[in-house]
Every structure is written in structure tokens, then in C-alpha cells.
Amino acid sequence: MARKTDEQRLTELQQAKDKLAAREKAIKARLASKERKIRNRRISIIGAVVEAHAERDEQFHDYLWTILKNRVIRDADREFLGLPPLPKSDG
């Protein structure tokens, strides 16, 4: 069996490196997906609890809407929530 040249060894190492990089990228993507799912579930649960509490407590309801009026800035989100659009700033 003939010995491999340095170029062949280098090519093999580069291929192995590329395979490892692809595996690393796939694992990172799976982890990110899991983290997104966990965060979305947490947000959903918290949102449901806050909404239910706002339906039962008028003072909390008013406080929550004050926060939403001041913090929701995307036009589409404000429209969805029935909030008036923010004034357009010059510049």
C-alpha cells in the first residue's frame, strides 16, 4: 500500500474538519430550536396567567394596558391589540 502524500493527508483532514463543522452546526440548530420551544411555551403560559388575572382584577387590567400602551411599538402589534398608532417622529 502506497503512502499518502502530504496533500492527500491535508485534503482528508479538511474533509473531516468540514464534516465536524456540519455536525456542530446541526447540533447547535437543534439546541436553539429546543430553547425557542421552551421560551415560547413559557411566554404562552405567562401570557395566559396575566390575561386571566387582568380579567379578574380591574386595577391590574388598567396597569397592564398602561404598560402595553407605552411598550408596544410595532404598528402591527398595536393594531392587533386595538391600541392607537404611535405618533411618527421626524428624523
C-alpha atoms as a PDB file:
ATOM      1  CA  MET A   1       0.000   0.000   0.000  1.00  0.00           C
ATOM      2  CA  ALA A   2       1.407   3.351  -1.055  1.00  0.00           C
ATOM      3  CA  ARG A   3       1.999   6.064   1.477  1.00  0.00           C
ATOM      4  CA  LYS A   4      -0.285   9.091   1.303  1.00  0.00           C
ATOM      5  CA  THR A   5       1.164  12.368   0.229  1.00  0.00           C
ATOM      6  CA  ASP A   6       1.011  15.426   2.440  1.00  0.00           C
ATOM      7  CA  GLU A   7      -1.555  16.912   0.056  1.00  0.00           C
ATOM      8  CA  GLN A   8      -3.772  13.818   0.420  1.00  0.00           C
ATOM      9  CA  ARG A   9      -3.486  13.952   4.213  1.00  0.00           C
ATOM     10  CA  LEU A  10      -4.317  17.641   4.179  1.00  0.00           C
ATOM     11  CA  THR A  11      -7.360  17.005   1.964  1.00  0.00           C
ATOM     12  CA  GLU A  12      -8.584  14.253   4.308  1.00  0.00           C
ATOM     13  CA  LEU A  13      -8.130  16.479   7.333  1.00  0.00           C
ATOM     14  CA  GLN A  14     -10.048  19.291   5.636  1.00  0.00           C
ATOM     15  CA  GLN A  15     -12.891  16.895   4.777  1.00  0.00           C
ATOM     16  CA  ALA A  16     -13.009  15.619   8.359  1.00  0.00           C
ATOM     17  CA  LYS A  17     -12.991  19.210   9.610  1.00  0.00           C
ATOM     18  CA  ASP A  18     -15.882  20.097   7.279  1.00  0.00           C
ATOM     19  CA  LYS A  19     -17.887  17.086   8.489  1.00  0.00           C
ATOM     20  CA  LEU A  20     -17.317  18.062  12.122  1.00  0.00           C
ATOM     21  CA  ALA A  21     -18.312  21.652  11.392  1.00  0.00           C
ATOM     22  CA  ALA A  22     -21.537  20.433   9.767  1.00  0.00           C
ATOM     23  CA  ARG A  23     -22.303  18.205  12.759  1.00  0.00           C
ATOM     24  CA  GLU A  24     -21.606  21.086  15.140  1.00  0.00           C
ATOM     25  CA  LYS A  25     -23.912  23.373  13.162  1.00  0.00           C
ATOM     26  CA  ALA A  26     -26.700  20.765  13.213  1.00  0.00           C
ATOM     27  CA  ILE A  27     -26.380  20.241  16.971  1.00  0.00           C
ATOM     28  CA  LYS A  28     -26.393  23.983  17.625  1.00  0.00           C
ATOM     29  CA  ALA A  29     -29.514  24.343  15.466  1.00  0.00           C
ATOM     30  CA  ARG A  30     -31.283  21.588  17.431  1.00  0.00           C
ATOM     31  CA  LEU A  31     -30.347  23.241  20.731  1.00  0.00           C
ATOM     32  CA  ALA A  32     -31.564  26.632  19.511  1.00  0.00           C
ATOM     33  CA  SER A  33     -34.833  25.064  18.382  1.00  0.00           C
ATOM     34  CA  LYS A  34     -35.345  23.431  21.781  1.00  0.00           C
ATOM     35  CA  GLU A  35     -34.603  26.703  23.548  1.00  0.00           C
ATOM     36  CA  ARG A  36     -37.082  28.563  21.294  1.00  0.00           C
ATOM     37  CA  LYS A  37     -39.785  25.993  22.024  1.00  0.00           C
ATOM     38  CA  ILE A  38     -39.184  26.268  25.772  1.00  0.00           C
ATOM     39  CA  ARG A  39     -39.263  30.077  25.631  1.00  0.00           C
ATOM     40  CA  ASN A  40     -42.435  30.110  23.521  1.00  0.00           C
ATOM     41  CA  ARG A  41     -44.172  27.741  25.942  1.00  0.00           C
ATOM     42  CA  ARG A  42     -43.085  29.871  28.917  1.00  0.00           C
ATOM     43  CA  ILE A  43     -44.348  33.036  27.183  1.00  0.00           C
ATOM     44  CA  SER A  44     -47.647  31.347  26.370  1.00  0.00           C
ATOM     45  CA  ILE A  45     -48.181  30.217  29.961  1.00  0.00           C
ATOM     46  CA  ILE A  46     -47.205  33.590  31.428  1.00  0.00           C
ATOM     47  CA  GLY A  47     -49.412  35.404  28.928  1.00  0.00           C
ATOM     48  CA  ALA A  48     -52.405  33.232  29.770  1.00  0.00           C
ATOM     49  CA  VAL A  49     -51.928  33.792  33.501  1.00  0.00           C
ATOM     50  CA  VAL A  50     -51.503  37.556  33.098  1.00  0.00           C
ATOM     51  CA  GLU A  51     -54.562  37.757  30.834  1.00  0.00           C
ATOM     52  CA  ALA A  52     -56.679  35.738  33.265  1.00  0.00           C
ATOM     53  CA  HIS A  53     -55.571  37.916  36.178  1.00  0.00           C
ATOM     54  CA  ALA A  54     -56.321  41.095  34.209  1.00  0.00           C
ATOM     55  CA  GLU A  55     -59.855  39.809  33.577  1.00  0.00           C
ATOM     56  CA  ARG A  56     -60.416  39.436  37.326  1.00  0.00           C
ATOM     57  CA  ASP A  57     -58.585  42.480  38.693  1.00  0.00           C
ATOM     58  CA  GLU A  58     -59.559  45.853  37.227  1.00  0.00           C
ATOM     59  CA  GLN A  59     -56.621  47.706  38.777  1.00  0.00           C
ATOM     60  CA  PHE A  60     -54.167  45.174  37.318  1.00  0.00           C
ATOM     61  CA  HIS A  61     -56.013  45.386  33.985  1.00  0.00           C
ATOM     62  CA  ASP A  62     -55.535  49.158  33.876  1.00  0.00           C
ATOM     63  CA  TYR A  63     -51.890  48.848  34.898  1.00  0.00           C
ATOM     64  CA  LEU A  64     -51.272  46.212  32.217  1.00  0.00           C
ATOM     65  CA  TRP A  65     -52.842  48.373  29.499  1.00  0.00           C
ATOM     66  CA  THR A  66     -50.733  51.330  30.601  1.00  0.00           C
ATOM     67  CA  ILE A  67     -47.624  49.190  30.180  1.00  0.00           C
ATOM     68  CA  LEU A  68     -48.797  47.932  26.789  1.00  0.00           C
ATOM     69  CA  LYS A  69     -49.587  51.443  25.557  1.00  0.00           C
ATOM     70  CA  ASN A  70     -46.077  52.564  26.488  1.00  0.00           C
ATOM     71  CA  ARG A  71     -44.078  49.485  25.472  1.00  0.00           C
ATOM     72  CA  VAL A  72     -45.690  48.037  22.346  1.00  0.00           C
ATOM     73  CA  ILE A  73     -44.053  49.898  19.471  1.00  0.00           C
ATOM     74  CA  ARG A  74     -44.620  47.827  16.329  1.00  0.00           C
ATOM     75  CA  ASP A  75     -47.553  49.235  14.357  1.00  0.00           C
ATOM     76  CA  ALA A  76     -48.920  45.777  13.535  1.00  0.00           C
ATOM     77  CA  ASP A  77     -48.809  44.745  17.208  1.00  0.00           C
ATOM     78  CA  ARG A  78     -50.503  47.962  18.327  1.00  0.00           C
ATOM     79  CA  GLU A  79     -53.231  47.493  15.723  1.00  0.00           C
ATOM     80  CA  PHE A  80     -53.733  43.864  16.785  1.00  0.00           C
ATOM     81  CA  LEU A  81     -54.171  44.946  20.412  1.00  0.00           C
ATOM     82  CA  GLY A  82     -56.502  47.808  19.482  1.00  0.00           C
ATOM     83  CA  LEU A  83     -54.007  50.474  20.507  1.00  0.00           C
ATOM     84  CA  PRO A  84     -53.708  53.758  18.601  1.00  0.00           C
ATOM     85  CA  PRO A  85     -50.632  54.126  16.408  1.00  0.00           C
ATOM     86  CA  LEU A  86     -47.654  55.907  17.857  1.00  0.00           C
ATOM     87  CA  PRO A  87     -47.012  59.418  16.571  1.00  0.00           C
ATOM     88  CA  LYS A  88     -44.437  59.489  13.802  1.00  0.00           C
ATOM     89  CA  SER A  89     -41.222  61.227  14.795  1.00  0.00           C
ATOM     90  CA  ASP A  90     -39.322  63.447  12.380  1.00  0.00           C
ATOM     91  CA  GLY A  91     -35.824  62.200  11.756  1.00  0.00           C
END
